[in-house]
């Protein structure tokens, strides 16, 4: 497996909307909040899937630094494949829903448009009422985006996110 060491960069996102560049991608969104959120870039991370297929991942974590645990975090991961991949949105949604059930969460699946593309949102609620989201969509045939977390503003993130691959 090939790995490129991850680079972590932090920036405070005080005003909305936000625009962040990670690798060749520009991620923009509007959380409509006055919270001081921290944007932490992750990647690139290159992994070999098979002899003829590899993935380069870029990520962004949005963290509410005033909350001490993972209860206020969202993670955006952009996976760019070296070749077209089959559309697996339904399969991915069902796998996240199964995982939520395994860890004792009530899960619902909503198929909806995210960033102008067909996508899914799995909402899991545990016995204490904590809500977590796992969502995903594709951009074309070679880019897959996942957004996971429990940041209260994640619904707004899903409504406003836009990712573009910038020209080199």
N, C-alpha and C. Protein backbone atom coordinates (compact mmCIF):
# COMPACT_ATOMS: atom_id res chain seq x y z
N UNK A 1 0.84 -1.17 0.00
CA UNK A 1 0.00 0.00 0.00
C UNK A 1 0.89 1.24 0.00
N UNK A 2 0.54 2.17 -0.84
CA UNK A 2 1.30 3.41 -0.94
C UNK A 2 0.65 4.43 -0.03
N UNK A 3 1.44 5.14 0.72
CA UNK A 3 0.88 6.17 1.58
C UNK A 3 1.70 7.44 1.49
N UNK A 4 1.04 8.53 1.39
CA UNK A 4 1.69 9.83 1.44
C UNK A 4 1.33 10.42 2.79
N UNK A 5 2.31 10.88 3.51
CA UNK A 5 2.02 11.39 4.85
C UNK A 5 1.02 12.53 4.81
N UNK A 6 0.15 12.52 5.78
CA UNK A 6 -0.92 13.51 5.86
C UNK A 6 -0.37 14.83 6.39
N UNK A 7 -0.89 15.89 5.84
CA UNK A 7 -0.52 17.23 6.28
C UNK A 7 -1.73 17.80 7.00
N UNK A 8 -1.52 18.28 8.22
CA UNK A 8 -2.62 18.85 8.98
C UNK A 8 -2.40 20.36 9.10
N UNK A 9 -3.36 21.11 8.66
CA UNK A 9 -3.31 22.56 8.74
C UNK A 9 -4.59 23.02 9.41
N UNK A 10 -4.47 23.94 10.36
CA UNK A 10 -5.64 24.43 11.06
C UNK A 10 -5.87 25.89 10.73
N UNK A 11 -7.13 26.24 10.64
CA UNK A 11 -7.52 27.64 10.45
C UNK A 11 -8.84 27.84 11.16
N UNK A 12 -9.03 29.02 11.72
CA UNK A 12 -10.29 29.31 12.39
C UNK A 12 -11.25 29.92 11.38
N UNK A 13 -12.45 29.35 11.32
CA UNK A 13 -13.48 29.86 10.42
C UNK A 13 -14.48 30.63 11.25
N UNK A 14 -14.34 31.94 11.26
CA UNK A 14 -15.21 32.76 12.10
C UNK A 14 -16.46 33.16 11.34
N UNK A 15 -16.31 33.56 10.11
CA UNK A 15 -17.44 34.07 9.35
C UNK A 15 -17.92 33.03 8.35
N UNK A 16 -19.18 33.09 8.06
CA UNK A 16 -19.76 32.23 7.02
C UNK A 16 -20.04 33.12 5.84
N UNK A 17 -20.03 32.68 4.64
CA UNK A 17 -19.68 31.33 4.19
C UNK A 17 -18.17 31.09 4.20
N UNK A 18 -17.80 29.82 4.09
CA UNK A 18 -16.40 29.43 4.11
C UNK A 18 -16.01 28.82 2.78
N UNK A 19 -14.76 28.98 2.43
CA UNK A 19 -14.19 28.36 1.25
C UNK A 19 -12.82 27.86 1.63
N UNK A 20 -12.57 26.56 1.42
CA UNK A 20 -11.34 25.92 1.84
C UNK A 20 -10.78 25.14 0.67
N UNK A 21 -9.47 25.22 0.48
CA UNK A 21 -8.82 24.47 -0.59
C UNK A 21 -8.04 23.33 0.03
N UNK A 22 -8.31 22.12 -0.44
CA UNK A 22 -7.57 20.94 -0.02
C UNK A 22 -7.15 20.19 -1.28
N UNK A 23 -5.86 20.15 -1.53
CA UNK A 23 -5.36 19.55 -2.77
C UNK A 23 -5.95 20.27 -3.97
N UNK A 24 -6.43 19.53 -4.95
CA UNK A 24 -6.99 20.17 -6.14
C UNK A 24 -8.46 20.57 -5.98
N UNK A 25 -9.01 20.45 -4.79
CA UNK A 25 -10.44 20.69 -4.58
C UNK A 25 -10.69 21.95 -3.76
N UNK A 26 -11.73 22.67 -4.14
CA UNK A 26 -12.20 23.80 -3.35
C UNK A 26 -13.55 23.41 -2.77
N UNK A 27 -13.65 23.48 -1.44
CA UNK A 27 -14.88 23.15 -0.73
C UNK A 27 -15.47 24.46 -0.22
N UNK A 28 -16.71 24.73 -0.60
CA UNK A 28 -17.37 25.93 -0.07
C UNK A 28 -18.68 25.51 0.59
N UNK A 29 -19.04 26.26 1.64
CA UNK A 29 -20.26 25.98 2.39
C UNK A 29 -20.59 27.18 3.25
N UNK A 30 -21.83 27.24 3.73
CA UNK A 30 -22.27 28.31 4.61
C UNK A 30 -23.01 27.68 5.78
N UNK A 31 -22.37 27.68 6.95
CA UNK A 31 -22.98 27.07 8.13
C UNK A 31 -23.90 28.03 8.87
N UNK A 32 -23.92 29.30 8.47
CA UNK A 32 -24.80 30.30 9.07
C UNK A 32 -24.70 30.27 10.60
N UNK A 33 -23.47 30.40 11.08
CA UNK A 33 -23.23 30.38 12.52
C UNK A 33 -22.20 31.42 12.90
N UNK A 34 -22.26 31.87 14.12
CA UNK A 34 -21.25 32.81 14.62
C UNK A 34 -20.21 32.08 15.48
N UNK A 35 -20.30 30.75 15.56
CA UNK A 35 -19.34 29.98 16.35
C UNK A 35 -17.95 30.11 15.74
N UNK A 36 -16.94 30.01 16.59
CA UNK A 36 -15.56 29.95 16.12
C UNK A 36 -15.23 28.49 15.85
N UNK A 37 -15.38 28.08 14.60
CA UNK A 37 -15.11 26.71 14.21
C UNK A 37 -13.70 26.59 13.64
N UNK A 38 -13.07 25.47 13.88
CA UNK A 38 -11.73 25.22 13.37
C UNK A 38 -11.83 24.32 12.14
N UNK A 39 -11.21 24.74 11.04
CA UNK A 39 -11.10 23.92 9.84
C UNK A 39 -9.72 23.27 9.85
N UNK A 40 -9.69 21.94 9.84
CA UNK A 40 -8.42 21.22 9.84
C UNK A 40 -8.34 20.38 8.57
N UNK A 41 -7.35 20.68 7.73
CA UNK A 41 -7.17 19.94 6.48
C UNK A 41 -6.48 18.62 6.75
N UNK A 42 -6.84 17.60 5.95
CA UNK A 42 -6.21 16.29 6.05
C UNK A 42 -5.84 15.81 4.66
N UNK A 43 -4.68 15.20 4.53
CA UNK A 43 -4.28 14.60 3.27
C UNK A 43 -3.24 15.45 2.56
N UNK A 44 -2.85 15.01 1.39
CA UNK A 44 -3.43 13.88 0.67
C UNK A 44 -2.94 12.54 1.21
N UNK A 45 -3.75 11.53 0.97
CA UNK A 45 -3.43 10.16 1.35
C UNK A 45 -3.70 9.30 0.14
N UNK A 46 -2.67 8.64 -0.38
CA UNK A 46 -2.81 7.81 -1.57
C UNK A 46 -2.77 6.34 -1.16
N UNK A 47 -3.81 5.59 -1.58
CA UNK A 47 -3.91 4.17 -1.25
C UNK A 47 -4.15 3.35 -2.50
N UNK A 48 -3.47 2.24 -2.59
CA UNK A 48 -3.69 1.31 -3.69
C UNK A 48 -4.84 0.37 -3.33
N UNK A 49 -5.86 0.31 -4.19
CA UNK A 49 -7.00 -0.56 -3.96
C UNK A 49 -6.75 -1.91 -4.61
N UNK A 50 -6.23 -1.90 -5.81
CA UNK A 50 -5.86 -3.10 -6.55
C UNK A 50 -4.72 -2.73 -7.48
N UNK A 51 -4.28 -3.69 -8.27
CA UNK A 51 -3.15 -3.46 -9.17
C UNK A 51 -3.40 -2.28 -10.09
N UNK A 52 -4.62 -2.09 -10.53
CA UNK A 52 -4.94 -1.06 -11.51
C UNK A 52 -5.76 0.10 -10.95
N UNK A 53 -5.98 0.14 -9.63
CA UNK A 53 -6.84 1.17 -9.08
C UNK A 53 -6.24 1.72 -7.78
N UNK A 54 -6.18 3.04 -7.70
CA UNK A 54 -5.75 3.68 -6.46
C UNK A 54 -6.68 4.85 -6.16
N UNK A 55 -6.63 5.30 -4.91
CA UNK A 55 -7.47 6.40 -4.43
C UNK A 55 -6.55 7.46 -3.82
N UNK A 56 -6.83 8.71 -4.12
CA UNK A 56 -6.18 9.82 -3.43
C UNK A 56 -7.28 10.52 -2.63
N UNK A 57 -7.08 10.61 -1.31
CA UNK A 57 -8.08 11.20 -0.42
C UNK A 57 -7.61 12.55 0.10
N UNK A 58 -8.55 13.48 0.14
CA UNK A 58 -8.34 14.79 0.72
C UNK A 58 -9.47 15.00 1.71
N UNK A 59 -9.20 15.66 2.82
CA UNK A 59 -10.24 15.83 3.81
C UNK A 59 -10.23 17.16 4.51
N UNK A 60 -11.34 17.42 5.16
CA UNK A 60 -11.51 18.61 5.97
C UNK A 60 -12.34 18.23 7.19
N UNK A 61 -11.83 18.55 8.37
CA UNK A 61 -12.61 18.41 9.60
C UNK A 61 -13.02 19.79 10.05
N UNK A 62 -14.29 19.92 10.42
CA UNK A 62 -14.81 21.16 10.97
C UNK A 62 -15.12 20.86 12.43
N UNK A 63 -14.44 21.57 13.33
CA UNK A 63 -14.49 21.24 14.75
C UNK A 63 -14.96 22.45 15.55
N UNK A 64 -15.91 22.21 16.45
CA UNK A 64 -16.31 23.23 17.41
C UNK A 64 -15.38 23.08 18.60
N UNK A 65 -14.42 23.98 18.73
CA UNK A 65 -13.40 23.86 19.78
C UNK A 65 -13.96 24.06 21.19
N UNK A 66 -15.19 24.55 21.29
CA UNK A 66 -15.79 24.73 22.61
C UNK A 66 -16.45 23.48 23.15
N UNK A 67 -16.48 22.42 22.36
CA UNK A 67 -17.07 21.15 22.78
C UNK A 67 -15.93 20.13 22.93
N UNK A 68 -15.78 19.51 24.09
CA UNK A 68 -14.60 18.70 24.38
C UNK A 68 -14.50 17.34 23.70
N UNK A 69 -15.57 16.84 23.11
CA UNK A 69 -15.48 15.51 22.49
C UNK A 69 -15.90 15.58 21.03
N UNK A 70 -16.13 14.42 20.43
CA UNK A 70 -16.50 14.36 19.02
C UNK A 70 -17.95 14.75 18.76
N UNK A 71 -18.64 15.25 19.76
CA UNK A 71 -20.05 15.60 19.60
C UNK A 71 -20.25 16.78 18.68
N UNK A 72 -19.21 17.55 18.44
CA UNK A 72 -19.37 18.74 17.60
C UNK A 72 -18.28 18.77 16.54
N UNK A 73 -18.36 17.80 15.62
CA UNK A 73 -17.37 17.69 14.56
C UNK A 73 -18.05 17.18 13.30
N UNK A 74 -17.57 17.65 12.15
CA UNK A 74 -18.00 17.12 10.86
C UNK A 74 -16.74 16.84 10.06
N UNK A 75 -16.75 15.75 9.32
CA UNK A 75 -15.60 15.39 8.51
C UNK A 75 -16.04 15.20 7.06
N UNK A 76 -15.39 15.91 6.17
CA UNK A 76 -15.64 15.81 4.73
C UNK A 76 -14.44 15.09 4.12
N UNK A 77 -14.69 14.01 3.39
CA UNK A 77 -13.61 13.28 2.72
C UNK A 77 -13.93 13.22 1.24
N UNK A 78 -12.96 13.59 0.43
CA UNK A 78 -13.08 13.53 -1.02
C UNK A 78 -12.13 12.44 -1.51
N UNK A 79 -12.68 11.38 -2.08
CA UNK A 79 -11.88 10.28 -2.62
C UNK A 79 -11.90 10.36 -4.13
N UNK A 80 -10.72 10.55 -4.72
CA UNK A 80 -10.61 10.58 -6.18
C UNK A 80 -9.96 9.29 -6.63
N UNK A 81 -10.69 8.52 -7.44
CA UNK A 81 -10.22 7.23 -7.94
C UNK A 81 -9.47 7.41 -9.25
N UNK A 82 -8.54 6.51 -9.53
CA UNK A 82 -7.74 6.58 -10.76
C UNK A 82 -8.50 6.11 -11.99
N UNK A 83 -9.67 5.51 -11.79
CA UNK A 83 -10.50 5.02 -12.89
C UNK A 83 -11.96 5.12 -12.46
N UNK A 84 -12.88 5.10 -13.43
CA UNK A 84 -14.31 5.14 -13.06
C UNK A 84 -14.67 3.99 -12.12
N UNK A 85 -15.57 4.27 -11.18
CA UNK A 85 -16.03 3.27 -10.23
C UNK A 85 -17.54 3.09 -10.38
N UNK A 86 -18.05 1.91 -10.05
CA UNK A 86 -19.50 1.71 -10.15
C UNK A 86 -20.24 2.58 -9.13
N UNK A 87 -21.43 2.99 -9.49
CA UNK A 87 -22.26 3.79 -8.59
C UNK A 87 -22.75 2.89 -7.46
N UNK A 88 -22.40 3.24 -6.24
CA UNK A 88 -22.74 2.38 -5.10
C UNK A 88 -23.41 3.17 -3.98
N UNK A 89 -24.15 4.23 -4.33
CA UNK A 89 -24.77 5.06 -3.29
C UNK A 89 -25.71 4.27 -2.40
N UNK A 90 -26.57 3.45 -3.01
CA UNK A 90 -27.53 2.68 -2.23
C UNK A 90 -26.80 1.69 -1.31
N UNK A 91 -25.79 1.03 -1.83
CA UNK A 91 -25.02 0.08 -1.03
C UNK A 91 -24.34 0.81 0.14
N UNK A 92 -23.71 1.96 -0.14
CA UNK A 92 -23.03 2.72 0.92
C UNK A 92 -24.02 3.15 2.00
N UNK A 93 -25.16 3.67 1.59
CA UNK A 93 -26.18 4.11 2.56
C UNK A 93 -26.63 2.95 3.43
N UNK A 94 -26.88 1.80 2.82
CA UNK A 94 -27.32 0.63 3.59
C UNK A 94 -26.24 0.15 4.56
N UNK A 95 -24.97 0.22 4.14
CA UNK A 95 -23.88 -0.20 5.03
C UNK A 95 -23.78 0.71 6.25
N UNK A 96 -23.89 2.03 6.04
CA UNK A 96 -23.86 2.95 7.18
C UNK A 96 -25.05 2.73 8.10
N UNK A 97 -26.23 2.48 7.53
CA UNK A 97 -27.41 2.22 8.35
C UNK A 97 -27.22 0.94 9.18
N UNK A 98 -26.65 -0.10 8.56
CA UNK A 98 -26.39 -1.34 9.30
C UNK A 98 -25.40 -1.08 10.44
N UNK A 99 -24.35 -0.31 10.17
CA UNK A 99 -23.38 0.00 11.21
C UNK A 99 -24.04 0.74 12.36
N UNK A 100 -24.88 1.72 12.05
CA UNK A 100 -25.58 2.45 13.11
C UNK A 100 -26.42 1.49 13.95
N UNK A 101 -27.08 0.52 13.32
CA UNK A 101 -27.87 -0.46 14.07
C UNK A 101 -26.98 -1.32 14.96
N UNK A 102 -25.81 -1.70 14.45
CA UNK A 102 -24.89 -2.53 15.22
C UNK A 102 -24.44 -1.81 16.48
N UNK A 103 -24.20 -0.51 16.38
CA UNK A 103 -23.74 0.25 17.55
C UNK A 103 -24.92 0.86 18.31
N UNK A 104 -26.08 0.22 18.16
CA UNK A 104 -27.26 0.55 18.97
C UNK A 104 -27.81 1.95 18.69
N UNK A 105 -27.95 2.26 17.42
CA UNK A 105 -28.56 3.53 17.03
C UNK A 105 -29.73 3.26 16.12
N UNK A 106 -30.78 4.03 16.29
CA UNK A 106 -31.92 3.99 15.39
C UNK A 106 -31.52 4.76 14.15
N UNK A 107 -31.63 4.15 12.97
CA UNK A 107 -31.14 4.79 11.74
C UNK A 107 -32.25 4.96 10.72
N UNK A 108 -32.18 6.07 10.00
CA UNK A 108 -33.07 6.32 8.87
C UNK A 108 -32.21 6.72 7.68
N UNK A 109 -32.68 6.37 6.48
CA UNK A 109 -31.97 6.72 5.24
C UNK A 109 -32.85 7.66 4.44
N UNK A 110 -32.25 8.74 3.98
CA UNK A 110 -32.94 9.70 3.12
C UNK A 110 -32.10 9.87 1.87
N UNK A 111 -32.67 9.54 0.71
CA UNK A 111 -31.98 9.77 -0.55
C UNK A 111 -32.36 11.17 -1.02
N UNK A 112 -31.37 12.01 -1.26
CA UNK A 112 -31.63 13.41 -1.61
C UNK A 112 -30.48 13.97 -2.43
N UNK A 113 -30.67 15.16 -2.93
CA UNK A 113 -29.64 15.84 -3.70
C UNK A 113 -28.69 16.56 -2.75
N UNK A 114 -27.39 16.35 -2.99
CA UNK A 114 -26.34 17.05 -2.24
C UNK A 114 -25.39 17.63 -3.27
N UNK A 115 -25.14 18.92 -3.21
CA UNK A 115 -24.23 19.59 -4.13
C UNK A 115 -24.66 19.35 -5.59
N UNK A 116 -25.97 19.29 -5.82
CA UNK A 116 -26.49 19.10 -7.17
C UNK A 116 -26.37 17.69 -7.70
N UNK A 117 -26.03 16.73 -6.85
CA UNK A 117 -25.84 15.34 -7.26
C UNK A 117 -26.70 14.41 -6.42
N UNK A 118 -27.10 13.26 -6.98
CA UNK A 118 -27.83 12.29 -6.16
C UNK A 118 -26.96 11.84 -4.98
N UNK A 119 -27.57 11.76 -3.81
CA UNK A 119 -26.82 11.35 -2.63
C UNK A 119 -27.71 10.71 -1.60
N UNK A 120 -27.14 10.45 -0.44
CA UNK A 120 -27.89 9.85 0.66
C UNK A 120 -27.46 10.49 1.97
N UNK A 121 -28.36 10.45 2.94
CA UNK A 121 -28.06 10.88 4.31
C UNK A 121 -28.61 9.80 5.24
N UNK A 122 -27.73 9.22 6.05
CA UNK A 122 -28.13 8.28 7.08
C UNK A 122 -28.05 9.03 8.41
N UNK A 123 -29.17 9.06 9.12
CA UNK A 123 -29.24 9.74 10.40
C UNK A 123 -29.38 8.67 11.48
N UNK A 124 -28.45 8.67 12.42
CA UNK A 124 -28.49 7.71 13.51
C UNK A 124 -28.67 8.40 14.84
N UNK A 125 -29.56 7.88 15.66
CA UNK A 125 -29.82 8.44 16.99
C UNK A 125 -29.61 7.35 18.03
N UNK A 126 -28.75 7.62 19.02
CA UNK A 126 -28.54 6.60 20.06
C UNK A 126 -29.56 6.76 21.19
N UNK A 127 -29.48 5.91 22.20
CA UNK A 127 -30.45 5.91 23.30
C UNK A 127 -30.45 7.21 24.09
N UNK A 128 -29.33 7.93 24.07
CA UNK A 128 -29.23 9.20 24.79
C UNK A 128 -29.71 10.39 23.94
N UNK A 129 -30.13 10.12 22.71
CA UNK A 129 -30.63 11.18 21.85
C UNK A 129 -29.59 11.87 21.01
N UNK A 130 -28.33 11.45 21.09
CA UNK A 130 -27.28 12.04 20.26
C UNK A 130 -27.49 11.64 18.81
N UNK A 131 -27.46 12.64 17.93
CA UNK A 131 -27.70 12.41 16.51
C UNK A 131 -26.38 12.49 15.75
N UNK A 132 -26.13 11.49 14.91
CA UNK A 132 -24.96 11.48 14.04
C UNK A 132 -25.41 11.28 12.61
N UNK A 133 -24.66 11.85 11.69
CA UNK A 133 -24.98 11.75 10.27
C UNK A 133 -23.84 11.10 9.51
N UNK A 134 -24.20 10.35 8.49
CA UNK A 134 -23.25 9.82 7.53
C UNK A 134 -23.89 9.99 6.17
N UNK A 135 -23.23 10.70 5.29
CA UNK A 135 -23.82 10.99 4.00
C UNK A 135 -22.77 10.86 2.90
N UNK A 136 -23.25 10.79 1.67
CA UNK A 136 -22.32 10.68 0.57
C UNK A 136 -22.97 10.99 -0.76
N UNK A 137 -22.12 11.32 -1.70
CA UNK A 137 -22.56 11.56 -3.08
C UNK A 137 -21.35 11.45 -4.00
N UNK A 138 -21.61 11.43 -5.29
CA UNK A 138 -20.54 11.32 -6.27
C UNK A 138 -20.52 12.55 -7.16
N UNK A 139 -19.33 12.90 -7.59
CA UNK A 139 -19.14 13.94 -8.59
C UNK A 139 -18.53 13.24 -9.79
N UNK A 140 -19.32 13.04 -10.83
CA UNK A 140 -18.83 12.30 -11.99
C UNK A 140 -18.64 10.83 -11.67
N UNK A 141 -17.72 10.20 -12.41
CA UNK A 141 -17.51 8.75 -12.27
C UNK A 141 -16.32 8.39 -11.40
N UNK A 142 -15.51 9.40 -10.99
CA UNK A 142 -14.28 9.06 -10.29
C UNK A 142 -14.11 9.77 -8.94
N UNK A 143 -15.07 10.57 -8.53
CA UNK A 143 -14.94 11.29 -7.26
C UNK A 143 -16.12 10.95 -6.36
N UNK A 144 -15.79 10.50 -5.15
CA UNK A 144 -16.80 10.15 -4.16
C UNK A 144 -16.57 11.03 -2.92
N UNK A 145 -17.65 11.60 -2.39
CA UNK A 145 -17.57 12.49 -1.24
C UNK A 145 -18.37 11.88 -0.10
N UNK A 146 -17.78 11.86 1.10
CA UNK A 146 -18.52 11.45 2.29
C UNK A 146 -18.45 12.57 3.32
N UNK A 147 -19.54 12.73 4.05
CA UNK A 147 -19.63 13.73 5.11
C UNK A 147 -20.21 13.01 6.32
N UNK A 148 -19.46 12.98 7.41
CA UNK A 148 -19.92 12.30 8.61
C UNK A 148 -19.75 13.22 9.82
N UNK A 149 -20.50 12.95 10.85
CA UNK A 149 -20.30 13.68 12.09
C UNK A 149 -21.56 14.00 12.84
N UNK A 150 -21.37 14.76 13.92
CA UNK A 150 -22.47 15.13 14.79
C UNK A 150 -22.51 16.63 15.06
N UNK A 151 -21.80 17.41 14.26
CA UNK A 151 -21.85 18.87 14.39
C UNK A 151 -23.29 19.31 14.18
N UNK A 152 -23.85 20.10 15.10
CA UNK A 152 -25.26 20.50 14.94
C UNK A 152 -25.56 21.18 13.61
N UNK A 153 -24.57 21.85 13.03
CA UNK A 153 -24.78 22.55 11.75
C UNK A 153 -24.63 21.65 10.53
N UNK A 154 -24.53 20.34 10.72
CA UNK A 154 -24.26 19.45 9.58
C UNK A 154 -25.41 19.46 8.57
N UNK A 155 -26.65 19.64 9.02
CA UNK A 155 -27.76 19.72 8.06
C UNK A 155 -27.58 20.91 7.14
N UNK A 156 -27.16 22.03 7.70
CA UNK A 156 -26.89 23.23 6.89
C UNK A 156 -25.71 22.98 5.94
N UNK A 157 -24.70 22.27 6.41
CA UNK A 157 -23.56 21.90 5.58
C UNK A 157 -24.02 21.10 4.36
N UNK A 158 -24.89 20.12 4.58
CA UNK A 158 -25.39 19.29 3.48
C UNK A 158 -26.20 20.11 2.48
N UNK A 159 -26.87 21.14 2.95
CA UNK A 159 -27.68 21.99 2.07
C UNK A 159 -26.84 22.97 1.25
N UNK A 160 -25.65 23.33 1.75
CA UNK A 160 -24.90 24.40 1.10
C UNK A 160 -23.55 23.99 0.53
N UNK A 161 -23.11 22.77 0.76
CA UNK A 161 -21.78 22.37 0.31
C UNK A 161 -21.68 22.39 -1.22
N UNK A 162 -20.51 22.80 -1.69
CA UNK A 162 -20.21 22.73 -3.11
C UNK A 162 -18.72 22.42 -3.23
N UNK A 163 -18.40 21.40 -4.01
CA UNK A 163 -17.00 21.01 -4.21
C UNK A 163 -16.69 21.09 -5.68
N UNK A 164 -15.58 21.74 -5.98
CA UNK A 164 -15.11 21.83 -7.36
C UNK A 164 -13.67 21.41 -7.44
N UNK A 165 -13.35 20.68 -8.51
CA UNK A 165 -11.95 20.34 -8.76
C UNK A 165 -11.36 21.49 -9.55
N UNK A 166 -10.31 22.07 -8.99
CA UNK A 166 -9.66 23.19 -9.64
C UNK A 166 -8.71 22.69 -10.72
N UNK A 167 -8.55 23.48 -11.75
CA UNK A 167 -7.61 23.12 -12.81
C UNK A 167 -6.19 23.38 -12.33
N UNK A 168 -5.29 22.48 -12.67
CA UNK A 168 -3.89 22.63 -12.23
C UNK A 168 -3.19 23.73 -12.96
